[in-house]
PDB file of N, CA and C in Angstrom:
ATOM      1  N   MET A   1     -16.325  18.346 -40.453  1.00  0.00           N
ATOM      2  CA  MET A   1     -15.925  16.961 -40.617  1.00  0.00           C
ATOM      3  C   MET A   1     -15.729  16.660 -42.100  1.00  0.00           C
ATOM      4  N   PRO A   2     -14.676  15.973 -42.418  1.00  0.00           N
ATOM      5  CA  PRO A   2     -14.490  15.559 -43.813  1.00  0.00           C
ATOM      6  C   PRO A   2     -15.616  14.622 -44.251  1.00  0.00           C
ATOM      7  N   PRO A   3     -15.994  14.675 -45.513  1.00  0.00           N
ATOM      8  CA  PRO A   3     -17.121  13.868 -45.987  1.00  0.00           C
ATOM      9  C   PRO A   3     -16.933  12.365 -45.819  1.00  0.00           C
ATOM     10  N   LEU A   4     -15.705  11.865 -45.830  1.00  0.00           N
ATOM     11  CA  LEU A   4     -15.503  10.421 -45.717  1.00  0.00           C
ATOM     12  C   LEU A   4     -15.683   9.906 -44.295  1.00  0.00           C
ATOM     13  N   ILE A   5     -15.565  10.768 -43.307  1.00  0.00           N
ATOM     14  CA  ILE A   5     -15.688  10.322 -41.919  1.00  0.00           C
ATOM     15  C   ILE A   5     -17.122   9.915 -41.607  1.00  0.00           C
ATOM     16  N   ILE A   6     -18.091  10.647 -42.127  1.00  0.00           N
ATOM     17  CA  ILE A   6     -19.493  10.383 -41.795  1.00  0.00           C
ATOM     18  C   ILE A   6     -19.943   9.003 -42.278  1.00  0.00           C
ATOM     19  N   PRO A   7     -19.705   8.606 -43.539  1.00  0.00           N
ATOM     20  CA  PRO A   7     -20.086   7.246 -43.936  1.00  0.00           C
ATOM     21  C   PRO A   7     -19.303   6.173 -43.175  1.00  0.00           C
ATOM     22  N   SER A   8     -18.055   6.453 -42.851  1.00  0.00           N
ATOM     23  CA  SER A   8     -17.260   5.476 -42.106  1.00  0.00           C
ATOM     24  C   SER A   8     -17.819   5.268 -40.713  1.00  0.00           C
ATOM     25  N   LEU A   9     -18.185   6.355 -40.048  1.00  0.00           N
ATOM     26  CA  LEU A   9     -18.783   6.229 -38.720  1.00  0.00           C
ATOM     27  C   LEU A   9     -20.146   5.558 -38.796  1.00  0.00           C
ATOM     28  N   GLY A  10     -20.906   5.864 -39.821  1.00  0.00           N
ATOM     29  CA  GLY A  10     -22.199   5.203 -40.003  1.00  0.00           C
ATOM     30  C   GLY A  10     -22.040   3.708 -40.210  1.00  0.00           C
ATOM     31  N   ALA A  11     -21.041   3.319 -40.999  1.00  0.00           N
ATOM     32  CA  ALA A  11     -20.781   1.894 -41.217  1.00  0.00           C
ATOM     33  C   ALA A  11     -20.329   1.219 -39.928  1.00  0.00           C
ATOM     34  N   ALA A  12     -19.511   1.901 -39.142  1.00  0.00           N
ATOM     35  CA  ALA A  12     -19.055   1.328 -37.873  1.00  0.00           C
ATOM     36  C   ALA A  12     -20.220   1.142 -36.913  1.00  0.00           C
ATOM     37  N   ILE A  13     -21.116   2.116 -36.861  1.00  0.00           N
ATOM     38  CA  ILE A  13     -22.282   1.993 -35.984  1.00  0.00           C
ATOM     39  C   ILE A  13     -23.182   0.855 -36.453  1.00  0.00           C
ATOM     40  N   ALA A  14     -23.365   0.721 -37.761  1.00  0.00           N
ATOM     41  CA  ALA A  14     -24.177  -0.373 -38.292  1.00  0.00           C
ATOM     42  C   ALA A  14     -23.558  -1.722 -37.958  1.00  0.00           C
ATOM     43  N   LEU A  15     -22.241  -1.811 -38.036  1.00  0.00           N
ATOM     44  CA  LEU A  15     -21.561  -3.059 -37.693  1.00  0.00           C
ATOM     45  C   LEU A  15     -21.753  -3.403 -36.222  1.00  0.00           C
ATOM     46  N   VAL A  16     -21.667  -2.403 -35.350  1.00  0.00           N
ATOM     47  CA  VAL A  16     -21.884  -2.642 -33.920  1.00  0.00           C
ATOM     48  C   VAL A  16     -23.312  -3.107 -33.669  1.00  0.00           C
ATOM     49  N   LEU A  17     -24.275  -2.481 -34.327  1.00  0.00           N
ATOM     50  CA  LEU A  17     -25.669  -2.894 -34.159  1.00  0.00           C
ATOM     51  C   LEU A  17     -25.891  -4.318 -34.649  1.00  0.00           C
ATOM     52  N   PHE A  18     -25.304  -4.657 -35.790  1.00  0.00           N
ATOM     53  CA  PHE A  18     -25.454  -6.007 -36.331  1.00  0.00           C
ATOM     54  C   PHE A  18     -24.845  -7.039 -35.394  1.00  0.00           C
ATOM     55  N   ALA A  19     -23.640  -6.756 -34.893  1.00  0.00           N
ATOM     56  CA  ALA A  19     -22.983  -7.689 -33.973  1.00  0.00           C
ATOM     57  C   ALA A  19     -23.767  -7.810 -32.673  1.00  0.00           C
ATOM     58  N   SER A  20     -24.311  -6.710 -32.184  1.00  0.00           N
ATOM     59  CA  SER A  20     -25.101  -6.754 -30.953  1.00  0.00           C
ATOM     60  C   SER A  20     -26.354  -7.598 -31.148  1.00  0.00           C
ATOM     61  N   ALA A  21     -27.009  -7.427 -32.283  1.00  0.00           N
ATOM     62  CA  ALA A  21     -28.217  -8.204 -32.558  1.00  0.00           C
ATOM     63  C   ALA A  21     -27.903  -9.691 -32.665  1.00  0.00           C
ATOM     64  N   ARG A  22     -26.804 -10.028 -33.321  1.00  0.00           N
ATOM     65  CA  ARG A  22     -26.426 -11.446 -33.429  1.00  0.00           C
ATOM     66  C   ARG A  22     -26.093 -12.034 -32.072  1.00  0.00           C
ATOM     67  N   LEU A  23     -25.363 -11.269 -31.251  1.00  0.00           N
ATOM     68  CA  LEU A  23     -25.013 -11.739 -29.914  1.00  0.00           C
ATOM     69  C   LEU A  23     -26.258 -11.922 -29.066  1.00  0.00           C
ATOM     70  N   LEU A  24     -27.183 -10.975 -29.144  1.00  0.00           N
ATOM     71  CA  LEU A  24     -28.427 -11.098 -28.387  1.00  0.00           C
ATOM     72  C   LEU A  24     -29.213 -12.322 -28.828  1.00  0.00           C
ATOM     73  N   ARG A  25     -29.284 -12.564 -30.119  1.00  0.00           N
ATOM     74  CA  ARG A  25     -30.028 -13.709 -30.620  1.00  0.00           C
ATOM     75  C   ARG A  25     -29.373 -15.018 -30.185  1.00  0.00           C
ATOM     76  N   LYS A  26     -28.048 -15.068 -30.230  1.00  0.00           N
ATOM     77  CA  LYS A  26     -27.339 -16.290 -29.861  1.00  0.00           C
ATOM     78  C   LYS A  26     -27.474 -16.572 -28.370  1.00  0.00           C
ATOM     79  N   ARG A  27     -27.317 -15.557 -27.561  1.00  0.00           N
ATOM     80  CA  ARG A  27     -27.346 -15.745 -26.107  1.00  0.00           C
ATOM     81  C   ARG A  27     -28.756 -15.892 -25.564  1.00  0.00           C
ATOM     82  N   ARG A  28     -29.738 -15.446 -26.298  1.00  0.00           N
ATOM     83  CA  ARG A  28     -31.110 -15.515 -25.811  1.00  0.00           C
ATOM     84  C   ARG A  28     -31.544 -16.956 -25.585  1.00  0.00           C
ATOM     85  N   ASP A  29     -31.091 -17.868 -26.434  1.00  0.00           N
ATOM     86  CA  ASP A  29     -31.470 -19.265 -26.289  1.00  0.00           C
ATOM     87  C   ASP A  29     -30.855 -19.897 -25.051  1.00  0.00           C
ATOM     88  N   GLU A  30     -29.716 -19.390 -24.609  1.00  0.00           N
ATOM     89  CA  GLU A  30     -28.999 -19.983 -23.484  1.00  0.00           C
ATOM     90  C   GLU A  30     -29.308 -19.303 -22.157  1.00  0.00           C
ATOM     91  N   ALA A  31     -29.842 -18.113 -22.193  1.00  0.00           N
ATOM     92  CA  ALA A  31     -29.994 -17.319 -20.975  1.00  0.00           C
ATOM     93  C   ALA A  31     -31.308 -17.628 -20.276  1.00  0.00           C
ATOM     94  N   ASP A  32     -31.337 -17.348 -18.975  1.00  0.00           N
ATOM     95  CA  ASP A  32     -32.599 -17.450 -18.255  1.00  0.00           C
ATOM     96  C   ASP A  32     -33.388 -16.163 -18.462  1.00  0.00           C
ATOM     97  N   GLY A  33     -34.566 -16.080 -17.876  1.00  0.00           N
ATOM     98  CA  GLY A  33     -35.459 -14.957 -18.125  1.00  0.00           C
ATOM     99  C   GLY A  33     -34.890 -13.612 -17.719  1.00  0.00           C
ATOM    100  N   LEU A  34     -34.256 -13.530 -16.565  1.00  0.00           N
ATOM    101  CA  LEU A  34     -33.730 -12.252 -16.091  1.00  0.00           C
ATOM    102  C   LEU A  34     -32.598 -11.765 -16.981  1.00  0.00           C
ATOM    103  N   LEU A  35     -31.689 -12.666 -17.323  1.00  0.00           N
ATOM    104  CA  LEU A  35     -30.574 -12.289 -18.185  1.00  0.00           C
ATOM    105  C   LEU A  35     -31.075 -11.897 -19.567  1.00  0.00           C
ATOM    106  N   ARG A  36     -32.063 -12.602 -20.051  1.00  0.00           N
ATOM    107  CA  ARG A  36     -32.626 -12.282 -21.363  1.00  0.00           C
ATOM    108  C   ARG A  36     -33.223 -10.879 -21.356  1.00  0.00           C
ATOM    109  N   GLY A  37     -33.916 -10.541 -20.289  1.00  0.00           N
ATOM    110  CA  GLY A  37     -34.475  -9.196 -20.183  1.00  0.00           C
ATOM    111  C   GLY A  37     -33.388  -8.135 -20.155  1.00  0.00           C
ATOM    112  N   PHE A  38     -32.305  -8.405 -19.440  1.00  0.00           N
ATOM    113  CA  PHE A  38     -31.195  -7.450 -19.393  1.00  0.00           C
ATOM    114  C   PHE A  38     -30.545  -7.299 -20.755  1.00  0.00           C
ATOM    115  N   GLU A  39     -30.353  -8.409 -21.472  1.00  0.00           N
ATOM    116  CA  GLU A  39     -29.739  -8.345 -22.797  1.00  0.00           C
ATOM    117  C   GLU A  39     -30.622  -7.576 -23.773  1.00  0.00           C
ATOM    118  N   THR A  40     -31.928  -7.786 -23.678  1.00  0.00           N
ATOM    119  CA  THR A  40     -32.841  -7.054 -24.550  1.00  0.00           C
ATOM    120  C   THR A  40     -32.782  -5.564 -24.246  1.00  0.00           C
ATOM    121  N   PHE A  41     -32.765  -5.219 -22.966  1.00  0.00           N
ATOM    122  CA  PHE A  41     -32.666  -3.818 -22.560  1.00  0.00           C
ATOM    123  C   PHE A  41     -31.364  -3.207 -23.063  1.00  0.00           C
ATOM    124  N   THR A  42     -30.266  -3.948 -22.924  1.00  0.00           N
ATOM    125  CA  THR A  42     -28.969  -3.459 -23.386  1.00  0.00           C
ATOM    126  C   THR A  42     -28.983  -3.251 -24.898  1.00  0.00           C
ATOM    127  N   GLY A  43     -29.575  -4.178 -25.624  1.00  0.00           N
ATOM    128  CA  GLY A  43     -29.667  -4.042 -27.075  1.00  0.00           C
ATOM    129  C   GLY A  43     -30.463  -2.814 -27.484  1.00  0.00           C
ATOM    130  N   ILE A  44     -31.567  -2.564 -26.778  1.00  0.00           N
ATOM    131  CA  ILE A  44     -32.386  -1.390 -27.086  1.00  0.00           C
ATOM    132  C   ILE A  44     -31.610  -0.116 -26.797  1.00  0.00           C
ATOM    133  N   VAL A  45     -30.891  -0.088 -25.665  1.00  0.00           N
ATOM    134  CA  VAL A  45     -30.093   1.090 -25.322  1.00  0.00           C
ATOM    135  C   VAL A  45     -29.007   1.321 -26.368  1.00  0.00           C
ATOM    136  N   LEU A  46     -28.342   0.250 -26.811  1.00  0.00           N
ATOM    137  CA  LEU A  46     -27.313   0.394 -27.844  1.00  0.00           C
ATOM    138  C   LEU A  46     -27.897   0.946 -29.142  1.00  0.00           C
ATOM    139  N   MET A  47     -29.072   0.481 -29.523  1.00  0.00           N
ATOM    140  CA  MET A  47     -29.697   0.980 -30.747  1.00  0.00           C
ATOM    141  C   MET A  47     -30.073   2.455 -30.610  1.00  0.00           C
ATOM    142  N   LEU A  48     -30.582   2.849 -29.437  1.00  0.00           N
ATOM    143  CA  LEU A  48     -30.925   4.257 -29.230  1.00  0.00           C
ATOM    144  C   LEU A  48     -29.687   5.145 -29.263  1.00  0.00           C
ATOM    145  N   VAL A  49     -28.600   4.677 -28.652  1.00  0.00           N
ATOM    146  CA  VAL A  49     -27.355   5.449 -28.665  1.00  0.00           C
ATOM    147  C   VAL A  49     -26.839   5.587 -30.095  1.00  0.00           C
ATOM    148  N   ALA A  50     -26.908   4.508 -30.864  1.00  0.00           N
ATOM    149  CA  ALA A  50     -26.454   4.568 -32.253  1.00  0.00           C
ATOM    150  C   ALA A  50     -27.308   5.543 -33.060  1.00  0.00           C
ATOM    151  N   ALA A  51     -28.615   5.531 -32.835  1.00  0.00           N
ATOM    152  CA  ALA A  51     -29.489   6.463 -33.548  1.00  0.00           C
ATOM    153  C   ALA A  51     -29.169   7.904 -33.169  1.00  0.00           C
ATOM    154  N   MET A  52     -28.920   8.163 -31.892  1.00  0.00           N
ATOM    155  CA  MET A  52     -28.566   9.516 -31.463  1.00  0.00           C
ATOM    156  C   MET A  52     -27.240   9.952 -32.070  1.00  0.00           C
ATOM    157  N   LEU A  53     -26.282   9.032 -32.174  1.00  0.00           N
ATOM    158  CA  LEU A  53     -25.004   9.368 -32.798  1.00  0.00           C
ATOM    159  C   LEU A  53     -25.185   9.721 -34.274  1.00  0.00           C
ATOM    160  N   LEU A  54     -26.020   8.964 -34.963  1.00  0.00           N
ATOM    161  CA  LEU A  54     -26.259   9.263 -36.372  1.00  0.00           C
ATOM    162  C   LEU A  54     -26.914  10.630 -36.544  1.00  0.00           C
ATOM    163  N   VAL A  55     -27.866  10.953 -35.683  1.00  0.00           N
ATOM    164  CA  VAL A  55     -28.516  12.262 -35.762  1.00  0.00           C
ATOM    165  C   VAL A  55     -27.513  13.372 -35.466  1.00  0.00           C
ATOM    166  N   ALA A  56     -26.661  13.158 -34.459  1.00  0.00           N
ATOM    167  CA  ALA A  56     -25.654  14.166 -34.120  1.00  0.00           C
ATOM    168  C   ALA A  56     -24.645  14.346 -35.251  1.00  0.00           C
ATOM    169  N   LEU A  57     -24.236  13.247 -35.870  1.00  0.00           N
ATOM    170  CA  LEU A  57     -23.308  13.343 -36.997  1.00  0.00           C
ATOM    171  C   LEU A  57     -23.942  14.080 -38.170  1.00  0.00           C
ATOM    172  N   HIS A  58     -25.196  13.790 -38.439  1.00  0.00           N
ATOM    173  CA  HIS A  58     -25.881  14.470 -39.533  1.00  0.00           C
ATOM    174  C   HIS A  58     -26.016  15.959 -39.236  1.00  0.00           C
ATOM    175  N   ALA A  59     -26.346  16.293 -38.000  1.00  0.00           N
ATOM    176  CA  ALA A  59     -26.466  17.704 -37.624  1.00  0.00           C
ATOM    177  C   ALA A  59     -25.122  18.419 -37.738  1.00  0.00           C
ATOM    178  N   ALA A  60     -24.056  17.748 -37.330  1.00  0.00           N
ATOM    179  CA  ALA A  60     -22.724  18.357 -37.420  1.00  0.00           C
ATOM    180  C   ALA A  60     -22.300  18.525 -38.874  1.00  0.00           C
ATOM    181  N   ALA A  61     -22.663  17.567 -39.709  1.00  0.00           N
ATOM    182  CA  ALA A  61     -22.262  17.634 -41.112  1.00  0.00           C
ATOM    183  C   ALA A  61     -23.014  18.727 -41.863  1.00  0.00           C
ATOM    184  N   THR A  62     -24.255  18.957 -41.484  1.00  0.00           N
ATOM    185  CA  THR A  62     -25.057  19.942 -42.208  1.00  0.00           C
ATOM    186  C   THR A  62     -25.065  21.311 -41.534  1.00  0.00           C
ATOM    187  N   ALA A  63     -24.394  21.467 -40.418  1.00  0.00           N
ATOM    188  CA  ALA A  63     -24.410  22.737 -39.685  1.00  0.00           C
ATOM    189  C   ALA A  63     -23.717  23.852 -40.462  1.00  0.00           C
ATOM    190  N   GLY A  64     -22.693  23.523 -41.203  1.00  0.00           N
ATOM    191  CA  GLY A  64     -21.943  24.547 -41.920  1.00  0.00           C
ATOM    192  C   GLY A  64     -22.544  24.939 -43.251  1.00  0.00           C
ATOM    193  N   HIS A  65     -23.565  24.226 -43.697  1.00  0.00           N
ATOM    194  CA  HIS A  65     -24.118  24.477 -45.037  1.00  0.00           C
ATOM    195  C   HIS A  65     -25.288  25.395 -44.989  1.00  0.00           C
TER     196      HIS A  65
END
Protein backbone atom coordinates (compact mmCIF):
# COMPACT_ATOMS: atom_id res chain seq x y z
CA MET A 1 0.00 0.00 0.00
CA PRO A 2 1.28 3.47 -0.77
CA PRO A 3 2.12 5.45 2.37
CA LEU A 4 -0.55 8.11 1.72
CA ILE A 5 -3.41 5.61 1.65
CA ILE A 6 -2.98 4.54 5.28
CA PRO A 7 -3.37 8.03 6.85
CA SER A 8 -6.25 8.76 4.48
CA LEU A 9 -8.08 5.60 5.50
CA GLY A 10 -7.36 6.33 9.15
CA ALA A 11 -8.81 9.83 8.76
CA ALA A 12 -11.89 8.43 7.02
CA ILE A 13 -12.45 5.91 9.80
CA ALA A 14 -12.04 8.64 12.42
CA LEU A 15 -14.58 10.79 10.59
CA VAL A 16 -17.08 7.91 10.52
CA LEU A 17 -16.58 7.31 14.24
CA PHE A 18 -17.03 11.00 15.02
CA ALA A 19 -20.21 11.23 12.93
CA SER A 20 -21.57 8.04 14.50
CA ALA A 21 -20.93 9.36 18.00
CA ARG A 22 -22.63 12.67 17.21
CA LEU A 23 -25.62 10.89 15.68
CA LEU A 24 -25.90 8.58 18.68
CA ARG A 25 -25.75 11.51 21.08
CA LYS A 26 -28.35 13.49 19.13
CA ARG A 27 -30.78 10.61 18.72
CA ARG A 28 -30.37 9.32 22.25
CA ASP A 29 -32.43 12.19 23.64
CA GLU A 30 -35.30 11.45 21.26
CA ALA A 31 -35.30 7.66 21.32
CA ASP A 32 -37.07 5.30 23.66
CA GLY A 33 -35.17 2.74 25.73
CA LEU A 34 -35.13 -0.09 23.19
CA LEU A 35 -34.00 2.11 20.32
CA ARG A 36 -31.37 3.71 22.52
CA GLY A 37 -29.99 0.29 23.38
CA PHE A 38 -29.85 -0.66 19.70
CA GLU A 39 -28.09 2.60 18.79
CA THR A 40 -25.54 2.08 21.55
CA PHE A 41 -24.92 -1.48 20.37
CA THR A 42 -24.54 -0.27 16.78
CA GLY A 43 -22.09 2.42 17.87
CA ILE A 44 -20.00 -0.12 19.77
CA VAL A 45 -19.98 -2.47 16.77
CA LEU A 46 -18.91 0.38 14.47
CA MET A 47 -16.06 1.31 16.82
CA LEU A 48 -14.89 -2.31 17.00
CA VAL A 49 -14.98 -2.65 13.21
CA ALA A 50 -13.00 0.58 12.84
CA ALA A 51 -10.41 -0.65 15.34
CA MET A 52 -10.08 -3.96 13.48
CA LEU A 53 -9.64 -2.08 10.20
CA LEU A 54 -6.89 0.05 11.69
CA VAL A 55 -5.09 -3.03 13.01
CA ALA A 56 -5.42 -4.75 9.63
CA LEU A 57 -4.12 -1.68 7.80
CA HIS A 58 -1.17 -1.43 10.15
CA ALA A 59 -0.39 -5.12 9.71
CA ALA A 60 -0.60 -4.79 5.92
CA ALA A 61 1.62 -1.72 5.94
CA THR A 62 4.31 -3.31 8.08
CA ALA A 63 4.18 -6.79 6.53
CA GLY A 64 6.71 -5.98 3.83
CA HIS A 65 9.26 -4.40 6.17
